[in-house]
Amino acid sequence: MITIPSAVEEIIKTKPFLESALVDGLINLSALARQLKPLIEDRTNKPINEGAIVMALNRLVPRLTMISNSKINSVVKNIGDIIVRSDLTDITYANSKTLFEKEAKLLESIKDKPNIFCTFSQGVDETTIIISSAYASETEEHFKGENLLSKQEKLSSITVKLPASNVYSPGIYYFIFKKLAWEDVNVLEVISTSNEYTIVVDDKDIDVAFSVLMSVKRTE
């Protein structure tokens, strides 16, 4: 049979913003216990005293705080450069037998052009190209005849360079994207390699997104 502490932890872990508010000390535990009581009784199949839930929360919060800190501190203190690119276009095509050949031709045509931003993200059914808007028309010309699924313009990107230890630090992406979500920043695309990641946002969100990532970089 599931215990009260286990039931409390399971529920909290399904609510990331609630978990964050608990860690930051922004939640009245007694009020939260009243809200959680029906859920916990359903999981444990027995009547539960609110005091027992408060006690379980009191024991859980320090552990959540420790886990949260240990997940991010070793990484965020060593975050490297943050690079912003503007004037980007996001173009998505359905995958086809001819698509990859056209990708190669596009790369060949832009290989000697300075300061161009160009990435490909291949999914199961579609491929997205994010490219400097100055070359968007050329890109569409290369992919003429392909099934265009979507096109978004007036975008910007932010690239963050992470220390190599990030691959062994669970929670770092959650920590960053949680802060972006709090500021109502809509992340349109995410591009990552082992030690860096790039987010693509609407131009109107770039200033807020950059401020959020800078605040993460300054986290101690």
N, C-alpha and C. Protein backbone atom coordinates (compact mmCIF):
# COMPACT_ATOMS: atom_id res chain seq x y z
N MET A 1 0.84 -1.20 0.00
CA MET A 1 0.00 0.00 0.00
C MET A 1 0.88 1.25 0.00
N ILE A 2 0.51 2.25 -0.78
CA ILE A 2 1.30 3.47 -0.88
C ILE A 2 1.18 4.28 0.41
N THR A 3 2.29 4.85 0.85
CA THR A 3 2.30 5.64 2.08
C THR A 3 1.91 7.08 1.78
N ILE A 4 1.60 7.82 2.84
CA ILE A 4 1.23 9.24 2.66
C ILE A 4 2.41 10.03 2.07
N PRO A 5 3.64 9.91 2.61
CA PRO A 5 4.76 10.65 2.01
C PRO A 5 4.98 10.31 0.53
N SER A 6 4.83 9.04 0.18
CA SER A 6 5.01 8.64 -1.21
C SER A 6 3.93 9.24 -2.09
N ALA A 7 2.70 9.24 -1.60
CA ALA A 7 1.59 9.81 -2.37
C ALA A 7 1.79 11.31 -2.56
N VAL A 8 2.22 11.99 -1.49
CA VAL A 8 2.47 13.43 -1.59
C VAL A 8 3.57 13.71 -2.62
N GLU A 9 4.65 12.97 -2.56
CA GLU A 9 5.76 13.18 -3.49
C GLU A 9 5.33 12.92 -4.93
N GLU A 10 4.58 11.87 -5.16
CA GLU A 10 4.12 11.55 -6.51
C GLU A 10 3.27 12.69 -7.08
N ILE A 11 2.39 13.24 -6.28
CA ILE A 11 1.51 14.31 -6.75
C ILE A 11 2.30 15.58 -7.03
N ILE A 12 3.21 15.93 -6.12
CA ILE A 12 3.99 17.15 -6.30
C ILE A 12 4.85 17.06 -7.56
N LYS A 13 5.39 15.89 -7.83
CA LYS A 13 6.26 15.74 -9.00
C LYS A 13 5.51 15.86 -10.33
N THR A 14 4.19 15.72 -10.28
CA THR A 14 3.40 15.90 -11.51
C THR A 14 3.03 17.37 -11.73
N LYS A 15 3.42 18.24 -10.80
CA LYS A 15 3.07 19.66 -10.88
C LYS A 15 4.34 20.49 -10.71
N PRO A 16 5.09 20.69 -11.81
CA PRO A 16 6.40 21.36 -11.71
C PRO A 16 6.36 22.74 -11.09
N PHE A 17 5.34 23.54 -11.43
CA PHE A 17 5.30 24.89 -10.88
C PHE A 17 4.99 24.88 -9.38
N LEU A 18 4.19 23.92 -8.96
CA LEU A 18 3.92 23.77 -7.53
C LEU A 18 5.19 23.37 -6.80
N GLU A 19 5.96 22.45 -7.40
CA GLU A 19 7.23 22.04 -6.81
C GLU A 19 8.16 23.24 -6.64
N SER A 20 8.22 24.09 -7.67
CA SER A 20 9.08 25.27 -7.61
C SER A 20 8.63 26.23 -6.52
N ALA A 21 7.31 26.42 -6.42
CA ALA A 21 6.79 27.33 -5.39
C ALA A 21 7.07 26.80 -3.99
N LEU A 22 7.02 25.49 -3.82
CA LEU A 22 7.35 24.90 -2.53
C LEU A 22 8.81 25.15 -2.17
N VAL A 23 9.70 24.93 -3.14
CA VAL A 23 11.12 25.14 -2.91
C VAL A 23 11.39 26.59 -2.55
N ASP A 24 10.66 27.51 -3.18
CA ASP A 24 10.87 28.93 -2.93
C ASP A 24 10.12 29.43 -1.70
N GLY A 25 9.40 28.55 -1.01
CA GLY A 25 8.70 28.94 0.21
C GLY A 25 7.48 29.81 -0.02
N LEU A 26 6.82 29.67 -1.16
CA LEU A 26 5.71 30.55 -1.51
C LEU A 26 4.34 29.94 -1.23
N ILE A 27 4.32 28.72 -0.70
CA ILE A 27 3.06 28.00 -0.52
C ILE A 27 2.75 27.83 0.96
N ASN A 28 1.49 28.10 1.31
CA ASN A 28 1.01 27.81 2.66
C ASN A 28 0.73 26.31 2.73
N LEU A 29 1.49 25.60 3.56
CA LEU A 29 1.41 24.14 3.58
C LEU A 29 0.06 23.63 4.06
N SER A 30 -0.55 24.32 5.00
CA SER A 30 -1.85 23.88 5.50
C SER A 30 -2.92 23.99 4.41
N ALA A 31 -2.87 25.10 3.66
CA ALA A 31 -3.83 25.28 2.57
C ALA A 31 -3.58 24.24 1.48
N LEU A 32 -2.31 23.97 1.20
CA LEU A 32 -1.99 22.97 0.19
C LEU A 32 -2.45 21.58 0.64
N ALA A 33 -2.27 21.29 1.92
CA ALA A 33 -2.69 19.98 2.44
C ALA A 33 -4.19 19.77 2.24
N ARG A 34 -4.98 20.84 2.43
CA ARG A 34 -6.43 20.72 2.22
C ARG A 34 -6.73 20.41 0.75
N GLN A 35 -5.96 21.03 -0.15
CA GLN A 35 -6.17 20.79 -1.58
C GLN A 35 -5.78 19.36 -1.97
N LEU A 36 -4.71 18.86 -1.36
CA LEU A 36 -4.19 17.55 -1.73
C LEU A 36 -4.95 16.39 -1.07
N LYS A 37 -5.65 16.69 0.00
CA LYS A 37 -6.28 15.63 0.81
C LYS A 37 -7.12 14.65 -0.02
N PRO A 38 -8.05 15.11 -0.89
CA PRO A 38 -8.84 14.14 -1.66
C PRO A 38 -7.98 13.27 -2.59
N LEU A 39 -6.96 13.85 -3.18
CA LEU A 39 -6.08 13.10 -4.08
C LEU A 39 -5.31 12.02 -3.33
N ILE A 40 -4.82 12.38 -2.14
CA ILE A 40 -4.03 11.43 -1.36
C ILE A 40 -4.92 10.32 -0.80
N GLU A 41 -6.11 10.68 -0.37
CA GLU A 41 -7.04 9.66 0.12
C GLU A 41 -7.41 8.69 -1.00
N ASP A 42 -7.52 9.22 -2.20
CA ASP A 42 -7.83 8.34 -3.34
C ASP A 42 -6.69 7.37 -3.62
N ARG A 43 -5.46 7.85 -3.46
CA ARG A 43 -4.31 6.99 -3.73
C ARG A 43 -4.05 5.99 -2.62
N THR A 44 -4.31 6.39 -1.40
CA THR A 44 -4.03 5.50 -0.27
C THR A 44 -5.23 4.65 0.14
N ASN A 45 -6.39 5.01 -0.41
CA ASN A 45 -7.63 4.26 -0.11
C ASN A 45 -7.98 4.26 1.37
N LYS A 46 -7.74 5.41 2.02
CA LYS A 46 -8.12 5.52 3.43
C LYS A 46 -8.24 7.01 3.78
N PRO A 47 -9.01 7.34 4.82
CA PRO A 47 -9.11 8.75 5.26
C PRO A 47 -7.77 9.23 5.81
N ILE A 48 -7.44 10.46 5.49
CA ILE A 48 -6.14 11.02 5.89
C ILE A 48 -6.35 12.29 6.68
N ASN A 49 -5.57 12.47 7.74
CA ASN A 49 -5.58 13.70 8.52
C ASN A 49 -4.71 14.74 7.82
N GLU A 50 -5.21 15.98 7.73
CA GLU A 50 -4.45 17.03 7.06
C GLU A 50 -3.08 17.25 7.70
N GLY A 51 -3.01 17.04 9.00
CA GLY A 51 -1.73 17.21 9.69
C GLY A 51 -0.67 16.26 9.18
N ALA A 52 -1.08 15.05 8.83
CA ALA A 52 -0.13 14.08 8.29
C ALA A 52 0.41 14.52 6.94
N ILE A 53 -0.44 15.19 6.17
CA ILE A 53 -0.01 15.70 4.86
C ILE A 53 0.97 16.85 5.05
N VAL A 54 0.67 17.73 6.00
CA VAL A 54 1.59 18.85 6.29
C VAL A 54 2.95 18.32 6.72
N MET A 55 2.94 17.29 7.57
CA MET A 55 4.20 16.70 8.03
C MET A 55 4.98 16.12 6.84
N ALA A 56 4.28 15.45 5.93
CA ALA A 56 4.94 14.88 4.75
C ALA A 56 5.53 15.99 3.87
N LEU A 57 4.80 17.10 3.73
CA LEU A 57 5.29 18.23 2.94
C LEU A 57 6.53 18.84 3.59
N ASN A 58 6.47 18.98 4.93
CA ASN A 58 7.62 19.54 5.65
C ASN A 58 8.88 18.70 5.46
N ARG A 59 8.72 17.41 5.36
CA ARG A 59 9.87 16.53 5.15
C ARG A 59 10.33 16.54 3.69
N LEU A 60 9.36 16.77 2.79
CA LEU A 60 9.68 16.72 1.36
C LEU A 60 10.40 17.98 0.88
N VAL A 61 10.00 19.14 1.38
CA VAL A 61 10.54 20.41 0.87
C VAL A 61 12.06 20.50 0.98
N PRO A 62 12.68 20.17 2.12
CA PRO A 62 14.15 20.25 2.17
C PRO A 62 14.83 19.33 1.16
N ARG A 63 14.23 18.16 0.92
CA ARG A 63 14.83 17.25 -0.06
C ARG A 63 14.69 17.78 -1.47
N LEU A 64 13.53 18.38 -1.77
CA LEU A 64 13.36 19.00 -3.09
C LEU A 64 14.34 20.13 -3.29
N THR A 65 14.56 20.91 -2.24
CA THR A 65 15.50 22.03 -2.33
C THR A 65 16.91 21.53 -2.58
N MET A 66 17.30 20.49 -1.87
CA MET A 66 18.65 19.93 -2.03
C MET A 66 18.83 19.38 -3.44
N ILE A 67 17.82 18.63 -3.92
CA ILE A 67 17.91 18.05 -5.25
C ILE A 67 17.96 19.15 -6.30
N SER A 68 17.13 20.18 -6.13
CA SER A 68 17.10 21.27 -7.09
C SER A 68 18.45 21.95 -7.17
N ASN A 69 19.05 22.23 -6.01
CA ASN A 69 20.35 22.92 -6.00
C ASN A 69 21.45 22.06 -6.58
N SER A 70 21.47 20.78 -6.21
CA SER A 70 22.55 19.91 -6.67
C SER A 70 22.46 19.66 -8.16
N LYS A 71 21.27 19.71 -8.72
CA LYS A 71 21.11 19.49 -10.15
C LYS A 71 21.72 20.60 -10.98
N ILE A 72 21.63 21.83 -10.50
CA ILE A 72 21.98 22.95 -11.37
C ILE A 72 23.27 23.68 -11.03
N ASN A 73 23.66 23.67 -9.75
CA ASN A 73 24.76 24.54 -9.36
C ASN A 73 26.05 24.29 -10.12
N SER A 74 26.40 23.02 -10.29
CA SER A 74 27.67 22.71 -10.93
C SER A 74 27.67 23.07 -12.40
N VAL A 75 26.48 23.19 -13.00
CA VAL A 75 26.39 23.51 -14.42
C VAL A 75 26.25 25.01 -14.64
N VAL A 76 25.27 25.64 -13.96
CA VAL A 76 24.98 27.04 -14.27
C VAL A 76 26.14 27.97 -13.93
N LYS A 77 26.94 27.60 -12.94
CA LYS A 77 28.06 28.49 -12.61
C LYS A 77 29.15 28.46 -13.68
N ASN A 78 29.06 27.47 -14.58
CA ASN A 78 30.05 27.36 -15.65
C ASN A 78 29.45 27.55 -17.04
N ILE A 79 28.25 28.12 -17.11
CA ILE A 79 27.66 28.41 -18.42
C ILE A 79 28.57 29.38 -19.16
N GLY A 80 28.77 29.11 -20.43
CA GLY A 80 29.67 29.93 -21.24
C GLY A 80 28.95 31.05 -21.96
N ASP A 81 29.37 31.32 -23.20
CA ASP A 81 28.82 32.43 -23.96
C ASP A 81 27.34 32.23 -24.25
N ILE A 82 26.65 33.35 -24.34
CA ILE A 82 25.26 33.38 -24.78
C ILE A 82 25.22 34.22 -26.04
N ILE A 83 24.82 33.61 -27.14
CA ILE A 83 24.91 34.25 -28.45
C ILE A 83 23.51 34.44 -29.03
N VAL A 84 23.20 35.66 -29.44
CA VAL A 84 21.90 36.00 -29.99
C VAL A 84 22.01 36.20 -31.49
N ARG A 85 21.07 35.61 -32.22
CA ARG A 85 20.96 35.83 -33.67
C ARG A 85 19.54 36.27 -33.97
N SER A 86 19.42 37.22 -34.87
CA SER A 86 18.09 37.74 -35.22
C SER A 86 17.81 37.55 -36.71
N ASP A 87 16.61 37.93 -37.12
CA ASP A 87 16.20 37.89 -38.52
C ASP A 87 16.30 36.47 -39.09
N LEU A 88 15.58 35.55 -38.44
CA LEU A 88 15.57 34.15 -38.86
C LEU A 88 14.20 33.74 -39.38
N THR A 89 14.19 32.70 -40.21
CA THR A 89 12.95 32.13 -40.74
C THR A 89 12.96 30.62 -40.49
N ASP A 90 11.81 30.11 -40.07
CA ASP A 90 11.63 28.69 -39.77
C ASP A 90 10.73 28.08 -40.85
N ILE A 91 11.26 27.11 -41.58
CA ILE A 91 10.52 26.49 -42.68
C ILE A 91 10.48 24.97 -42.45
N THR A 92 9.30 24.39 -42.52
CA THR A 92 9.15 22.96 -42.28
C THR A 92 8.53 22.27 -43.50
N TYR A 93 9.19 21.18 -43.91
CA TYR A 93 8.71 20.37 -45.04
C TYR A 93 8.43 18.94 -44.57
N ALA A 94 7.48 18.30 -45.24
CA ALA A 94 7.27 16.87 -45.02
C ALA A 94 8.47 16.11 -45.56
N ASN A 95 8.89 15.07 -44.85
CA ASN A 95 10.01 14.27 -45.33
C ASN A 95 9.64 13.58 -46.65
N SER A 96 10.64 13.45 -47.51
CA SER A 96 10.44 12.77 -48.79
C SER A 96 11.76 12.18 -49.25
N LYS A 97 11.72 11.39 -50.29
CA LYS A 97 12.93 10.76 -50.81
C LYS A 97 13.87 11.78 -51.44
N THR A 98 13.33 12.92 -51.86
CA THR A 98 14.15 13.94 -52.53
C THR A 98 14.60 15.06 -51.59
N LEU A 99 14.06 15.07 -50.39
CA LEU A 99 14.33 16.19 -49.49
C LEU A 99 15.80 16.29 -49.11
N PHE A 100 16.42 15.16 -48.81
CA PHE A 100 17.79 15.19 -48.29
C PHE A 100 18.79 15.61 -49.37
N GLU A 101 18.51 15.26 -50.60
CA GLU A 101 19.36 15.71 -51.71
C GLU A 101 19.30 17.23 -51.83
N LYS A 102 18.13 17.80 -51.62
CA LYS A 102 17.96 19.25 -51.70
C LYS A 102 18.63 19.94 -50.51
N GLU A 103 18.64 19.28 -49.37
CA GLU A 103 19.38 19.82 -48.23
C GLU A 103 20.86 19.98 -48.58
N ALA A 104 21.41 18.95 -49.20
CA ALA A 104 22.83 18.99 -49.58
C ALA A 104 23.11 20.12 -50.56
N LYS A 105 22.20 20.34 -51.49
CA LYS A 105 22.38 21.41 -52.48
C LYS A 105 22.31 22.78 -51.82
N LEU A 106 21.39 22.92 -50.84
CA LEU A 106 21.31 24.19 -50.12
C LEU A 106 22.60 24.47 -49.37
N LEU A 107 23.10 23.47 -48.65
CA LEU A 107 24.35 23.65 -47.90
C LEU A 107 25.51 24.00 -48.83
N GLU A 108 25.55 23.38 -49.99
CA GLU A 108 26.60 23.69 -50.96
C GLU A 108 26.50 25.13 -51.43
N SER A 109 25.29 25.62 -51.61
CA SER A 109 25.10 26.98 -52.13
C SER A 109 25.44 28.06 -51.12
N ILE A 110 25.38 27.73 -49.81
CA ILE A 110 25.62 28.77 -48.79
C ILE A 110 26.93 28.59 -48.05
N LYS A 111 27.72 27.58 -48.41
CA LYS A 111 28.89 27.24 -47.60
C LYS A 111 29.92 28.36 -47.53
N ASP A 112 29.98 29.22 -48.55
CA ASP A 112 30.97 30.28 -48.56
C ASP A 112 30.39 31.64 -48.17
N LYS A 113 29.15 31.66 -47.71
CA LYS A 113 28.51 32.92 -47.34
C LYS A 113 28.72 33.16 -45.85
N PRO A 114 29.28 34.32 -45.50
CA PRO A 114 29.64 34.58 -44.10
C PRO A 114 28.43 34.86 -43.22
N ASN A 115 28.58 34.50 -41.96
CA ASN A 115 27.61 34.87 -40.92
C ASN A 115 26.19 34.36 -41.15
N ILE A 116 26.04 33.30 -41.92
CA ILE A 116 24.70 32.76 -42.13
C ILE A 116 24.36 31.77 -41.02
N PHE A 117 23.12 31.80 -40.60
CA PHE A 117 22.62 30.84 -39.62
C PHE A 117 21.80 29.81 -40.38
N CYS A 118 22.11 28.53 -40.20
CA CYS A 118 21.36 27.48 -40.89
C CYS A 118 21.42 26.19 -40.09
N THR A 119 20.28 25.65 -39.74
CA THR A 119 20.22 24.36 -39.05
C THR A 119 19.12 23.50 -39.66
N PHE A 120 19.30 22.20 -39.58
CA PHE A 120 18.28 21.24 -40.01
C PHE A 120 17.91 20.36 -38.81
N SER A 121 16.62 20.16 -38.62
CA SER A 121 16.14 19.24 -37.58
C SER A 121 15.21 18.24 -38.24
N GLN A 122 15.66 16.98 -38.29
CA GLN A 122 14.87 15.95 -38.96
C GLN A 122 14.06 15.15 -37.95
N GLY A 123 12.75 15.11 -38.14
CA GLY A 123 11.89 14.28 -37.33
C GLY A 123 11.46 13.05 -38.10
N VAL A 124 10.52 12.33 -37.55
CA VAL A 124 10.03 11.11 -38.20
C VAL A 124 9.31 11.43 -39.50
N ASP A 125 8.50 12.48 -39.49
CA ASP A 125 7.67 12.80 -40.66
C ASP A 125 7.99 14.14 -41.30
N GLU A 126 8.79 14.95 -40.65
CA GLU A 126 9.04 16.28 -41.19
C GLU A 126 10.44 16.77 -40.84
N THR A 127 10.89 17.77 -41.58
CA THR A 127 12.20 18.36 -41.37
C THR A 127 12.04 19.88 -41.31
N THR A 128 12.65 20.48 -40.31
CA THR A 128 12.59 21.93 -40.15
C THR A 128 13.96 22.53 -40.48
N ILE A 129 13.92 23.59 -41.24
CA ILE A 129 15.11 24.37 -41.58
C ILE A 129 14.96 25.74 -40.95
N ILE A 130 15.93 26.14 -40.15
CA ILE A 130 15.95 27.50 -39.61
C ILE A 130 17.14 28.19 -40.26
N ILE A 131 16.87 29.29 -40.93
CA ILE A 131 17.89 29.93 -41.75
C ILE A 131 17.77 31.44 -41.67
N SER A 132 18.87 32.14 -41.88
CA SER A 132 18.83 33.60 -41.94
C SER A 132 17.81 34.03 -42.99
N SER A 133 16.98 34.98 -42.62
CA SER A 133 15.87 35.37 -43.50
C SER A 133 16.34 35.85 -44.87
N ALA A 134 17.55 36.38 -44.96
CA ALA A 134 18.07 36.85 -46.24
C ALA A 134 18.18 35.71 -47.25
N TYR A 135 18.25 34.47 -46.75
CA TYR A 135 18.40 33.30 -47.62
C TYR A 135 17.14 32.43 -47.65
N ALA A 136 16.04 32.95 -47.09
CA ALA A 136 14.81 32.17 -47.05
C ALA A 136 14.25 31.90 -48.44
N SER A 137 14.27 32.93 -49.28
CA SER A 137 13.74 32.75 -50.65
C SER A 137 14.58 31.74 -51.43
N GLU A 138 15.90 31.83 -51.26
CA GLU A 138 16.79 30.87 -51.92
C GLU A 138 16.51 29.45 -51.42
N THR A 139 16.24 29.34 -50.12
CA THR A 139 15.93 28.03 -49.55
C THR A 139 14.65 27.47 -50.17
N GLU A 140 13.63 28.28 -50.25
CA GLU A 140 12.37 27.82 -50.83
C GLU A 140 12.53 27.44 -52.30
N GLU A 141 13.41 28.13 -52.98
CA GLU A 141 13.67 27.79 -54.38
C GLU A 141 14.32 26.41 -54.48
N HIS A 142 15.26 26.12 -53.58
CA HIS A 142 15.91 24.81 -53.57
C HIS A 142 14.91 23.70 -53.28
N PHE A 143 13.90 24.00 -52.45
CA PHE A 143 12.96 22.97 -52.02
C PHE A 143 11.64 23.03 -52.79
N LYS A 144 11.65 23.67 -53.93
CA LYS A 144 10.46 23.74 -54.76
C LYS A 144 9.99 22.32 -55.10
N GLY A 145 8.70 22.11 -54.98
CA GLY A 145 8.14 20.79 -55.26
C GLY A 145 7.94 19.95 -54.01
N GLU A 146 8.56 20.36 -52.89
CA GLU A 146 8.36 19.64 -51.63
C GLU A 146 7.08 20.13 -50.94
N ASN A 147 6.58 19.33 -50.02
CA ASN A 147 5.34 19.66 -49.31
C ASN A 147 5.65 20.59 -48.14
N LEU A 148 5.38 21.89 -48.34
CA LEU A 148 5.63 22.89 -47.29
C LEU A 148 4.55 22.79 -46.22
N LEU A 149 4.97 22.54 -44.99
CA LEU A 149 4.01 22.39 -43.88
C LEU A 149 3.81 23.69 -43.11
N SER A 150 4.86 24.45 -42.93
CA SER A 150 4.72 25.72 -42.21
C SER A 150 5.92 26.62 -42.49
N LYS A 151 5.68 27.91 -42.28
CA LYS A 151 6.76 28.90 -42.42
C LYS A 151 6.51 30.01 -41.41
N GLN A 152 7.51 30.30 -40.61
CA GLN A 152 7.41 31.36 -39.62
C GLN A 152 8.58 32.32 -39.79
N GLU A 153 8.25 33.59 -39.78
CA GLU A 153 9.27 34.63 -39.98
C GLU A 153 9.39 35.50 -38.74
N LYS A 154 10.33 36.43 -38.78
CA LYS A 154 10.58 37.37 -37.68
C LYS A 154 10.89 36.63 -36.39
N LEU A 155 11.88 35.76 -36.48
CA LEU A 155 12.31 34.96 -35.33
C LEU A 155 13.74 35.32 -34.93
N SER A 156 14.08 34.99 -33.70
CA SER A 156 15.44 35.16 -33.19
C SER A 156 15.85 33.92 -32.42
N SER A 157 17.15 33.74 -32.28
CA SER A 157 17.65 32.57 -31.54
C SER A 157 18.63 33.01 -30.47
N ILE A 158 18.71 32.18 -29.43
CA ILE A 158 19.71 32.37 -28.38
C ILE A 158 20.43 31.04 -28.19
N THR A 159 21.73 31.07 -28.35
CA THR A 159 22.54 29.87 -28.16
C THR A 159 23.30 29.98 -26.84
N VAL A 160 23.21 28.94 -26.04
CA VAL A 160 23.89 28.90 -24.74
C VAL A 160 24.92 27.78 -24.77
N LYS A 161 26.15 28.10 -24.42
CA LYS A 161 27.20 27.10 -24.36
C LYS A 161 27.31 26.57 -22.94
N LEU A 162 27.19 25.26 -22.81
CA LEU A 162 27.19 24.60 -21.51
C LEU A 162 28.50 23.87 -21.26
N PRO A 163 28.88 23.71 -19.99
CA PRO A 163 30.06 22.90 -19.69
C PRO A 163 29.79 21.44 -20.01
N ALA A 164 30.85 20.68 -20.26
CA ALA A 164 30.70 19.27 -20.63
C ALA A 164 29.94 18.48 -19.57
N SER A 165 29.97 18.94 -18.32
CA SER A 165 29.31 18.21 -17.24
C SER A 165 27.79 18.23 -17.36
N ASN A 166 27.24 19.05 -18.27
CA ASN A 166 25.79 19.16 -18.36
C ASN A 166 25.12 17.83 -18.72
N VAL A 167 25.85 16.96 -19.44
CA VAL A 167 25.25 15.70 -19.86
C VAL A 167 25.06 14.74 -18.68
N TYR A 168 25.70 15.05 -17.54
CA TYR A 168 25.56 14.22 -16.35
C TYR A 168 24.75 14.93 -15.26
N SER A 169 24.07 16.01 -15.63
CA SER A 169 23.36 16.82 -14.64
C SER A 169 21.88 16.87 -14.96
N PRO A 170 21.11 15.90 -14.49
CA PRO A 170 19.67 15.91 -14.77
C PRO A 170 18.99 17.13 -14.19
N GLY A 171 18.11 17.73 -14.97
CA GLY A 171 17.32 18.85 -14.47
C GLY A 171 17.74 20.20 -15.00
N ILE A 172 18.88 20.30 -15.70
CA ILE A 172 19.35 21.62 -16.11
C ILE A 172 18.41 22.24 -17.14
N TYR A 173 17.93 21.43 -18.10
CA TYR A 173 17.01 21.98 -19.10
C TYR A 173 15.67 22.36 -18.46
N TYR A 174 15.21 21.52 -17.54
CA TYR A 174 13.98 21.84 -16.83
C TYR A 174 14.12 23.15 -16.08
N PHE A 175 15.24 23.35 -15.42
CA PHE A 175 15.48 24.57 -14.66
C PHE A 175 15.38 25.80 -15.55
N ILE A 176 16.00 25.72 -16.74
CA ILE A 176 16.02 26.87 -17.65
C ILE A 176 14.65 27.10 -18.28
N PHE A 177 14.03 26.05 -18.79
CA PHE A 177 12.76 26.23 -19.47
C PHE A 177 11.64 26.60 -18.50
N LYS A 178 11.76 26.19 -17.26
CA LYS A 178 10.79 26.59 -16.24
C LYS A 178 10.82 28.11 -16.08
N LYS A 179 12.02 28.69 -16.06
CA LYS A 179 12.14 30.14 -15.91
C LYS A 179 11.59 30.86 -17.13
N LEU A 180 11.81 30.32 -18.31
CA LEU A 180 11.24 30.92 -19.52
C LEU A 180 9.72 30.86 -19.49
N ALA A 181 9.18 29.73 -19.03
CA ALA A 181 7.73 29.58 -18.97
C ALA A 181 7.12 30.56 -17.97
N TRP A 182 7.80 30.77 -16.85
CA TRP A 182 7.31 31.73 -15.85
C TRP A 182 7.16 33.11 -16.46
N GLU A 183 8.06 33.45 -17.39
CA GLU A 183 8.03 34.78 -18.02
C GLU A 183 7.19 34.80 -19.29
N ASP A 184 6.43 33.72 -19.52
CA ASP A 184 5.51 33.63 -20.65
C ASP A 184 6.23 33.72 -21.99
N VAL A 185 7.44 33.16 -22.05
CA VAL A 185 8.20 33.12 -23.30
C VAL A 185 7.84 31.83 -24.03
N ASN A 186 7.34 31.97 -25.26
CA ASN A 186 6.97 30.81 -26.06
C ASN A 186 8.19 30.36 -26.87
N VAL A 187 8.72 29.18 -26.53
CA VAL A 187 9.87 28.64 -27.25
C VAL A 187 9.36 27.87 -28.46
N LEU A 188 9.68 28.36 -29.65
CA LEU A 188 9.17 27.77 -30.89
C LEU A 188 9.97 26.54 -31.30
N GLU A 189 11.28 26.58 -31.11
CA GLU A 189 12.14 25.47 -31.50
C GLU A 189 13.27 25.34 -30.49
N VAL A 190 13.77 24.12 -30.34
CA VAL A 190 14.94 23.85 -29.52
C VAL A 190 15.91 23.02 -30.34
N ILE A 191 17.14 23.49 -30.44
CA ILE A 191 18.18 22.78 -31.18
C ILE A 191 19.32 22.54 -30.21
N SER A 192 19.81 21.31 -30.13
CA SER A 192 20.87 21.06 -29.15
C SER A 192 21.94 20.14 -29.71
N THR A 193 23.15 20.32 -29.17
CA THR A 193 24.25 19.40 -29.36
C THR A 193 24.69 19.00 -27.96
N SER A 194 25.79 18.30 -27.85
CA SER A 194 26.20 17.81 -26.53
C SER A 194 26.41 18.93 -25.52
N ASN A 195 27.04 20.01 -25.96
CA ASN A 195 27.46 21.04 -25.01
C ASN A 195 26.92 22.43 -25.33
N GLU A 196 25.90 22.51 -26.15
CA GLU A 196 25.24 23.79 -26.36
C GLU A 196 23.81 23.52 -26.81
N TYR A 197 22.97 24.50 -26.54
CA TYR A 197 21.60 24.39 -27.04
C TYR A 197 21.15 25.77 -27.51
N THR A 198 20.23 25.75 -28.44
CA THR A 198 19.70 26.98 -29.04
C THR A 198 18.19 26.96 -28.93
N ILE A 199 17.62 28.06 -28.46
CA ILE A 199 16.17 28.21 -28.49
C ILE A 199 15.83 29.25 -29.55
N VAL A 200 14.69 29.04 -30.19
CA VAL A 200 14.20 29.98 -31.20
C VAL A 200 12.88 30.54 -30.69
N VAL A 201 12.79 31.87 -30.69
CA VAL A 201 11.60 32.55 -30.18
C VAL A 201 11.17 33.63 -31.15
N ASP A 202 9.96 34.10 -30.97
CA ASP A 202 9.48 35.24 -31.74
C ASP A 202 10.31 36.47 -31.38
N ASP A 203 10.48 37.36 -32.36
CA ASP A 203 11.27 38.58 -32.11
C ASP A 203 10.78 39.35 -30.88
N LYS A 204 9.47 39.35 -30.67
CA LYS A 204 8.93 40.14 -29.55
C LYS A 204 9.33 39.58 -28.19
N ASP A 205 9.77 38.31 -28.16
CA ASP A 205 10.14 37.68 -26.89
C ASP A 205 11.64 37.65 -26.63
N ILE A 206 12.43 38.13 -27.58
CA ILE A 206 13.88 37.93 -27.48
C ILE A 206 14.49 38.66 -26.29
N ASP A 207 14.02 39.88 -26.00
CA ASP A 207 14.61 40.63 -24.88
C ASP A 207 14.36 39.94 -23.55
N VAL A 208 13.13 39.47 -23.35
CA VAL A 208 12.80 38.78 -22.10
C VAL A 208 13.57 37.47 -22.00
N ALA A 209 13.61 36.72 -23.10
CA ALA A 209 14.31 35.43 -23.10
C ALA A 209 15.79 35.62 -22.78
N PHE A 210 16.40 36.63 -23.38
CA PHE A 210 17.82 36.89 -23.12
C PHE A 210 18.04 37.26 -21.65
N SER A 211 17.15 38.08 -21.10
CA SER A 211 17.28 38.47 -19.69
C SER A 211 17.17 37.27 -18.77
N VAL A 212 16.24 36.35 -19.10
CA VAL A 212 16.07 35.14 -18.29
C VAL A 212 17.33 34.30 -18.32
N LEU A 213 17.90 34.09 -19.51
CA LEU A 213 19.09 33.26 -19.62
C LEU A 213 20.30 33.91 -18.96
N MET A 214 20.38 35.21 -19.02
CA MET A 214 21.46 35.91 -18.32
C MET A 214 21.32 35.75 -16.81
N SER A 215 20.07 35.77 -16.33
CA SER A 215 19.86 35.60 -14.89
C SER A 215 20.24 34.18 -14.46
N VAL A 216 20.00 33.19 -15.35
CA VAL A 216 20.43 31.82 -15.05
C VAL A 216 21.95 31.76 -14.99
N LYS A 217 22.61 32.41 -15.89
CA LYS A 217 24.07 32.43 -15.93
C LYS A 217 24.65 33.04 -14.66
N ARG A 218 23.91 34.00 -14.08
CA ARG A 218 24.41 34.66 -12.86
C ARG A 218 24.03 33.92 -11.59
N THR A 219 23.24 32.82 -11.72
CA THR A 219 22.83 32.06 -10.55
C THR A 219 24.04 31.51 -9.82
N GLU A 220 24.06 31.63 -8.54
CA GLU A 220 25.18 31.12 -7.73
C GLU A 220 24.71 29.99 -6.85
